[in-house]
């Protein structure tokens, strides 16, 4: 089952659907990292923001000015 995306960038429906198809199956940080390594240039985790002791946001840049923000616990 795909992970739902929050469309805070107000992407059009077609672009959101393509992005969801590409990243909606990421259920682990390892999957995110492997996905990013498949790009040229590589998409690396740019920042990890600590929310609390158990929760972090993992930021991966897309085409500027857009980022994927994974909520990881």
PDB file of N, CA and C in Angstrom:
ATOM      1  N   UNK A   1       0.847  -1.178   0.000  1.00  0.00           N
ATOM      2  CA  UNK A   1       0.000   0.000   0.000  1.00  0.00           C
ATOM      3  C   UNK A   1       0.890   1.239   0.000  1.00  0.00           C
ATOM      4  N   UNK A   2       0.650   2.185  -0.915  1.00  0.00           N
ATOM      5  CA  UNK A   2       1.481   3.384  -0.989  1.00  0.00           C
ATOM      6  C   UNK A   2       1.302   4.288   0.234  1.00  0.00           C
ATOM      7  N   UNK A   3       2.393   4.962   0.568  1.00  0.00           N
ATOM      8  CA  UNK A   3       2.373   5.947   1.641  1.00  0.00           C
ATOM      9  C   UNK A   3       1.725   7.218   1.087  1.00  0.00           C
ATOM     10  N   UNK A   4       0.741   7.806   1.778  1.00  0.00           N
ATOM     11  CA  UNK A   4       0.111   9.026   1.256  1.00  0.00           C
ATOM     12  C   UNK A   4       1.070  10.216   1.306  1.00  0.00           C
ATOM     13  N   UNK A   5       0.970  11.058   0.305  1.00  0.00           N
ATOM     14  CA  UNK A   5       1.769  12.281   0.249  1.00  0.00           C
ATOM     15  C   UNK A   5       0.900  13.475   0.605  1.00  0.00           C
ATOM     16  N   UNK A   6       1.472  14.421   1.322  1.00  0.00           N
ATOM     17  CA  UNK A   6       0.821  15.709   1.568  1.00  0.00           C
ATOM     18  C   UNK A   6       1.338  16.672   0.521  1.00  0.00           C
ATOM     19  N   UNK A   7       0.441  17.260  -0.231  1.00  0.00           N
ATOM     20  CA  UNK A   7       0.814  18.138  -1.339  1.00  0.00           C
ATOM     21  C   UNK A   7       0.915  19.590  -0.875  1.00  0.00           C
ATOM     22  N   UNK A   8       1.907  19.874  -0.061  1.00  0.00           N
ATOM     23  CA  UNK A   8       2.066  21.239   0.461  1.00  0.00           C
ATOM     24  C   UNK A   8       2.676  22.184  -0.558  1.00  0.00           C
ATOM     25  N   UNK A   9       3.221  21.639  -1.647  1.00  0.00           N
ATOM     26  CA  UNK A   9       3.804  22.469  -2.706  1.00  0.00           C
ATOM     27  C   UNK A   9       2.770  22.838  -3.766  1.00  0.00           C
ATOM     28  N   UNK A  10       1.561  22.325  -3.595  1.00  0.00           N
ATOM     29  CA  UNK A  10       0.470  22.587  -4.546  1.00  0.00           C
ATOM     30  C   UNK A  10       0.832  22.141  -5.963  1.00  0.00           C
ATOM     31  N   UNK A  11       1.424  20.946  -6.057  1.00  0.00           N
ATOM     32  CA  UNK A  11       1.728  20.374  -7.367  1.00  0.00           C
ATOM     33  C   UNK A  11       0.421  20.056  -8.086  1.00  0.00           C
ATOM     34  N   UNK A  12       0.448  20.117  -9.423  1.00  0.00           N
ATOM     35  CA  UNK A  12      -0.755  19.732 -10.152  1.00  0.00           C
ATOM     36  C   UNK A  12      -0.967  18.224  -9.990  1.00  0.00           C
ATOM     37  N   UNK A  13      -2.172  17.770 -10.279  1.00  0.00           N
ATOM     38  CA  UNK A  13      -2.543  16.379 -10.026  1.00  0.00           C
ATOM     39  C   UNK A  13      -1.641  15.387 -10.756  1.00  0.00           C
ATOM     40  N   UNK A  14      -1.287  15.688 -11.989  1.00  0.00           N
ATOM     41  CA  UNK A  14      -0.458  14.766 -12.769  1.00  0.00           C
ATOM     42  C   UNK A  14       0.941  14.642 -12.160  1.00  0.00           C
ATOM     43  N   UNK A  15       1.531  15.758 -11.781  1.00  0.00           N
ATOM     44  CA  UNK A  15       2.877  15.715 -11.190  1.00  0.00           C
ATOM     45  C   UNK A  15       2.860  15.022  -9.833  1.00  0.00           C
ATOM     46  N   UNK A  16       1.836  15.280  -9.046  1.00  0.00           N
ATOM     47  CA  UNK A  16       1.705  14.625  -7.750  1.00  0.00           C
ATOM     48  C   UNK A  16       1.554  13.111  -7.930  1.00  0.00           C
ATOM     49  N   UNK A  17       0.783  12.690  -8.912  1.00  0.00           N
ATOM     50  CA  UNK A  17       0.598  11.261  -9.165  1.00  0.00           C
ATOM     51  C   UNK A  17       1.913  10.605  -9.569  1.00  0.00           C
ATOM     52  N   UNK A  18       2.708  11.273 -10.413  1.00  0.00           N
ATOM     53  CA  UNK A  18       4.019  10.722 -10.809  1.00  0.00           C
ATOM     54  C   UNK A  18       4.944  10.612  -9.607  1.00  0.00           C
ATOM     55  N   UNK A  19       4.956  11.644  -8.784  1.00  0.00           N
ATOM     56  CA  UNK A  19       5.808  11.620  -7.596  1.00  0.00           C
ATOM     57  C   UNK A  19       5.352  10.533  -6.622  1.00  0.00           C
ATOM     58  N   UNK A  20       4.058  10.404  -6.429  1.00  0.00           N
ATOM     59  CA  UNK A  20       3.531   9.372  -5.538  1.00  0.00           C
ATOM     60  C   UNK A  20       3.886   7.978  -6.042  1.00  0.00           C
ATOM     61  N   UNK A  21       3.826   7.785  -7.346  1.00  0.00           N
ATOM     62  CA  UNK A  21       4.189   6.483  -7.915  1.00  0.00           C
ATOM     63  C   UNK A  21       5.668   6.185  -7.695  1.00  0.00           C
ATOM     64  N   UNK A  22       6.494   7.217  -7.722  1.00  0.00           N
ATOM     65  CA  UNK A  22       7.941   7.052  -7.580  1.00  0.00           C
ATOM     66  C   UNK A  22       8.374   6.852  -6.126  1.00  0.00           C
ATOM     67  N   UNK A  23       7.788   7.582  -5.198  1.00  0.00           N
ATOM     68  CA  UNK A  23       8.279   7.547  -3.813  1.00  0.00           C
ATOM     69  C   UNK A  23       7.266   6.993  -2.814  1.00  0.00           C
ATOM     70  N   UNK A  24       6.053   6.736  -3.241  1.00  0.00           N
ATOM     71  CA  UNK A  24       5.009   6.294  -2.328  1.00  0.00           C
ATOM     72  C   UNK A  24       5.264   4.947  -1.676  1.00  0.00           C
ATOM     73  N   UNK A  25       6.182   4.172  -2.224  1.00  0.00           N
ATOM     74  CA  UNK A  25       6.502   2.876  -1.644  1.00  0.00           C
ATOM     75  C   UNK A  25       7.632   2.909  -0.643  1.00  0.00           C
ATOM     76  N   UNK A  26       8.207   4.077  -0.408  1.00  0.00           N
ATOM     77  CA  UNK A  26       9.317   4.185   0.544  1.00  0.00           C
ATOM     78  C   UNK A  26       8.786   4.032   1.970  1.00  0.00           C
ATOM     79  N   UNK A  27       9.119   2.907   2.585  1.00  0.00           N
ATOM     80  CA  UNK A  27       8.685   2.674   3.953  1.00  0.00           C
ATOM     81  C   UNK A  27       9.851   2.634   4.930  1.00  0.00           C
ATOM     82  N   UNK A  28      11.076   2.712   4.396  1.00  0.00           N
ATOM     83  CA  UNK A  28      12.263   2.741   5.254  1.00  0.00           C
ATOM     84  C   UNK A  28      13.227   3.792   4.744  1.00  0.00           C
ATOM     85  N   UNK A  29      14.079   4.255   5.639  1.00  0.00           N
ATOM     86  CA  UNK A  29      15.107   5.215   5.239  1.00  0.00           C
ATOM     87  C   UNK A  29      16.066   4.582   4.237  1.00  0.00           C
ATOM     88  N   UNK A  30      16.315   3.299   4.365  1.00  0.00           N
ATOM     89  CA  UNK A  30      17.177   2.606   3.406  1.00  0.00           C
ATOM     90  C   UNK A  30      16.606   2.715   1.992  1.00  0.00           C
ATOM     91  N   UNK A  31      15.315   2.564   1.835  1.00  0.00           N
ATOM     92  CA  UNK A  31      14.692   2.695   0.514  1.00  0.00           C
ATOM     93  C   UNK A  31      14.859   4.106  -0.038  1.00  0.00           C
ATOM     94  N   UNK A  32      14.749   5.104   0.810  1.00  0.00           N
ATOM     95  CA  UNK A  32      14.939   6.494   0.389  1.00  0.00           C
ATOM     96  C   UNK A  32      16.372   6.683  -0.115  1.00  0.00           C
ATOM     97  N   UNK A  33      17.337   6.181   0.639  1.00  0.00           N
ATOM     98  CA  UNK A  33      18.740   6.344   0.266  1.00  0.00           C
ATOM     99  C   UNK A  33      19.054   5.620  -1.026  1.00  0.00           C
ATOM    100  N   UNK A  34      18.568   4.404  -1.189  1.00  0.00           N
ATOM    101  CA  UNK A  34      18.807   3.650  -2.435  1.00  0.00           C
ATOM    102  C   UNK A  34      18.168   4.356  -3.626  1.00  0.00           C
ATOM    103  N   UNK A  35      16.975   4.883  -3.441  1.00  0.00           N
ATOM    104  CA  UNK A  35      16.294   5.620  -4.500  1.00  0.00           C
ATOM    105  C   UNK A  35      17.134   6.828  -4.918  1.00  0.00           C
ATOM    106  N   UNK A  36      17.623   7.574  -3.938  1.00  0.00           N
ATOM    107  CA  UNK A  36      18.416   8.769  -4.238  1.00  0.00           C
ATOM    108  C   UNK A  36      19.726   8.449  -4.940  1.00  0.00           C
ATOM    109  N   UNK A  37      20.327   7.316  -4.603  1.00  0.00           N
ATOM    110  CA  UNK A  37      21.585   6.923  -5.243  1.00  0.00           C
ATOM    111  C   UNK A  37      21.386   6.550  -6.707  1.00  0.00           C
ATOM    112  N   UNK A  38      20.158   6.266  -7.102  1.00  0.00           N
ATOM    113  CA  UNK A  38      19.877   5.900  -8.485  1.00  0.00           C
ATOM    114  C   UNK A  38      19.803   7.075  -9.436  1.00  0.00           C
ATOM    115  N   UNK A  39      19.933   8.274  -8.942  1.00  0.00           N
ATOM    116  CA  UNK A  39      19.862   9.468  -9.777  1.00  0.00           C
ATOM    117  C   UNK A  39      21.252   9.981 -10.131  1.00  0.00           C
ATOM    118  N   UNK A  40      21.321  10.700 -11.251  1.00  0.00           N
ATOM    119  CA  UNK A  40      22.549  11.368 -11.650  1.00  0.00           C
ATOM    120  C   UNK A  40      22.193  12.820 -11.949  1.00  0.00           C
ATOM    121  N   UNK A  41      22.581  13.778 -11.109  1.00  0.00           N
ATOM    122  CA  UNK A  41      23.383  13.597  -9.908  1.00  0.00           C
ATOM    123  C   UNK A  41      22.568  12.934  -8.791  1.00  0.00           C
ATOM    124  N   UNK A  42      23.267  12.358  -7.870  1.00  0.00           N
ATOM    125  CA  UNK A  42      22.668  11.640  -6.758  1.00  0.00           C
ATOM    126  C   UNK A  42      21.823  12.594  -5.918  1.00  0.00           C
ATOM    127  N   UNK A  43      20.671  12.109  -5.478  1.00  0.00           N
ATOM    128  CA  UNK A  43      19.833  12.881  -4.545  1.00  0.00           C
ATOM    129  C   UNK A  43      20.170  12.415  -3.137  1.00  0.00           C
ATOM    130  N   UNK A  44      20.824  13.262  -2.411  1.00  0.00           N
ATOM    131  CA  UNK A  44      21.252  12.924  -1.055  1.00  0.00           C
ATOM    132  C   UNK A  44      20.335  13.571  -0.024  1.00  0.00           C
ATOM    133  N   UNK A  45      20.313  12.984   1.138  1.00  0.00           N
ATOM    134  CA  UNK A  45      19.624  13.618   2.256  1.00  0.00           C
ATOM    135  C   UNK A  45      20.373  14.910   2.553  1.00  0.00           C
ATOM    136  N   UNK A  46      19.672  16.028   2.495  1.00  0.00           N
ATOM    137  CA  UNK A  46      20.322  17.314   2.717  1.00  0.00           C
ATOM    138  C   UNK A  46      20.346  17.684   4.197  1.00  0.00           C
ATOM    139  N   UNK A  47      19.298  17.293   4.896  1.00  0.00           N
ATOM    140  CA  UNK A  47      19.238  17.670   6.303  1.00  0.00           C
ATOM    141  C   UNK A  47      18.323  16.706   7.049  1.00  0.00           C
ATOM    142  N   UNK A  48      18.638  16.481   8.309  1.00  0.00           N
ATOM    143  CA  UNK A  48      17.777  15.729   9.209  1.00  0.00           C
ATOM    144  C   UNK A  48      17.426  16.662  10.361  1.00  0.00           C
ATOM    145  N   UNK A  49      16.145  16.923  10.518  1.00  0.00           N
ATOM    146  CA  UNK A  49      15.662  17.856  11.534  1.00  0.00           C
ATOM    147  C   UNK A  49      15.043  17.039  12.671  1.00  0.00           C
ATOM    148  N   UNK A  50      15.596  17.172  13.854  1.00  0.00           N
ATOM    149  CA  UNK A  50      15.083  16.453  15.014  1.00  0.00           C
ATOM    150  C   UNK A  50      13.831  17.153  15.528  1.00  0.00           C
ATOM    151  N   UNK A  51      12.741  16.400  15.613  1.00  0.00           N
ATOM    152  CA  UNK A  51      11.485  16.940  16.139  1.00  0.00           C
ATOM    153  C   UNK A  51      11.376  16.661  17.641  1.00  0.00           C
ATOM    154  N   UNK A  52      11.730  15.454  18.016  1.00  0.00           N
ATOM    155  CA  UNK A  52      11.776  15.076  19.428  1.00  0.00           C
ATOM    156  C   UNK A  52      12.693  13.862  19.528  1.00  0.00           C
ATOM    157  N   UNK A  53      12.673  13.225  20.643  1.00  0.00           N
ATOM    158  CA  UNK A  53      13.573  12.106  20.903  1.00  0.00           C
ATOM    159  C   UNK A  53      13.395  10.953  19.907  1.00  0.00           C
ATOM    160  N   UNK A  54      12.198  10.796  19.354  1.00  0.00           N
ATOM    161  CA  UNK A  54      11.892   9.652  18.493  1.00  0.00           C
ATOM    162  C   UNK A  54      11.602  10.018  17.043  1.00  0.00           C
ATOM    163  N   UNK A  55      11.322  11.261  16.752  1.00  0.00           N
ATOM    164  CA  UNK A  55      10.847  11.662  15.427  1.00  0.00           C
ATOM    165  C   UNK A  55      11.820  12.638  14.770  1.00  0.00           C
ATOM    166  N   UNK A  56      12.075  12.387  13.478  1.00  0.00           N
ATOM    167  CA  UNK A  56      12.959  13.241  12.687  1.00  0.00           C
ATOM    168  C   UNK A  56      12.307  13.485  11.329  1.00  0.00           C
ATOM    169  N   UNK A  57      12.575  14.632  10.742  1.00  0.00           N
ATOM    170  CA  UNK A  57      12.194  14.908   9.361  1.00  0.00           C
ATOM    171  C   UNK A  57      13.456  14.785   8.519  1.00  0.00           C
ATOM    172  N   UNK A  58      13.369  13.993   7.464  1.00  0.00           N
ATOM    173  CA  UNK A  58      14.499  13.785   6.563  1.00  0.00           C
ATOM    174  C   UNK A  58      14.183  14.534   5.273  1.00  0.00           C
ATOM    175  N   UNK A  59      15.021  15.521   4.926  1.00  0.00           N
ATOM    176  CA  UNK A  59      14.780  16.383   3.769  1.00  0.00           C
ATOM    177  C   UNK A  59      15.655  15.974   2.598  1.00  0.00           C
ATOM    178  N   UNK A  60      14.996  15.710   1.463  1.00  0.00           N
ATOM    179  CA  UNK A  60      15.680  15.327   0.227  1.00  0.00           C
ATOM    180  C   UNK A  60      15.270  16.335  -0.845  1.00  0.00           C
ATOM    181  N   UNK A  61      16.239  17.048  -1.429  1.00  0.00           N
ATOM    182  CA  UNK A  61      15.876  18.036  -2.449  1.00  0.00           C
ATOM    183  C   UNK A  61      15.392  17.379  -3.737  1.00  0.00           C
ATOM    184  N   UNK A  62      14.366  17.980  -4.322  1.00  0.00           N
ATOM    185  CA  UNK A  62      13.904  17.624  -5.660  1.00  0.00           C
ATOM    186  C   UNK A  62      14.322  18.764  -6.567  1.00  0.00           C
ATOM    187  N   UNK A  63      13.566  19.027  -7.614  1.00  0.00           N
ATOM    188  CA  UNK A  63      13.845  20.180  -8.463  1.00  0.00           C
ATOM    189  C   UNK A  63      13.571  21.436  -7.641  1.00  0.00           C
ATOM    190  N   UNK A  64      14.494  22.402  -7.642  1.00  0.00           N
ATOM    191  CA  UNK A  64      14.290  23.617  -6.850  1.00  0.00           C
ATOM    192  C   UNK A  64      12.966  24.273  -7.195  1.00  0.00           C
ATOM    193  N   UNK A  65      12.279  24.749  -6.228  1.00  0.00           N
ATOM    194  CA  UNK A  65      12.569  24.882  -4.810  1.00  0.00           C
ATOM    195  C   UNK A  65      11.945  23.775  -3.970  1.00  0.00           C
ATOM    196  N   UNK A  66      11.676  22.625  -4.546  1.00  0.00           N
ATOM    197  CA  UNK A  66      10.908  21.579  -3.874  1.00  0.00           C
ATOM    198  C   UNK A  66      11.788  20.581  -3.129  1.00  0.00           C
ATOM    199  N   UNK A  67      11.250  20.109  -2.009  1.00  0.00           N
ATOM    200  CA  UNK A  67      11.895  19.082  -1.174  1.00  0.00           C
ATOM    201  C   UNK A  67      10.881  17.999  -0.837  1.00  0.00           C
ATOM    202  N   UNK A  68      11.375  16.787  -0.673  1.00  0.00           N
ATOM    203  CA  UNK A  68      10.591  15.748  -0.030  1.00  0.00           C
ATOM    204  C   UNK A  68      10.948  15.803   1.444  1.00  0.00           C
ATOM    205  N   UNK A  69       9.962  15.752   2.294  1.00  0.00           N
ATOM    206  CA  UNK A  69      10.188  15.733   3.743  1.00  0.00           C
ATOM    207  C   UNK A  69       9.578  14.449   4.276  1.00  0.00           C
ATOM    208  N   UNK A  70      10.449  13.513   4.632  1.00  0.00           N
ATOM    209  CA  UNK A  70      10.005  12.241   5.185  1.00  0.00           C
ATOM    210  C   UNK A  70       9.909  12.381   6.694  1.00  0.00           C
ATOM    211  N   UNK A  71       8.772  11.997   7.250  1.00  0.00           N
ATOM    212  CA  UNK A  71       8.563  11.994   8.692  1.00  0.00           C
ATOM    213  C   UNK A  71       8.981  10.617   9.193  1.00  0.00           C
ATOM    214  N   UNK A  72      10.070  10.538   9.925  1.00  0.00           N
ATOM    215  CA  UNK A  72      10.660   9.261  10.324  1.00  0.00           C
ATOM    216  C   UNK A  72      10.619   9.135  11.840  1.00  0.00           C
ATOM    217  N   UNK A  73      10.150   7.970  12.300  1.00  0.00           N
ATOM    218  CA  UNK A  73      10.213   7.727  13.740  1.00  0.00           C
ATOM    219  C   UNK A  73      10.839   6.381  14.003  1.00  0.00           C
TER     220      UNK A  73
END
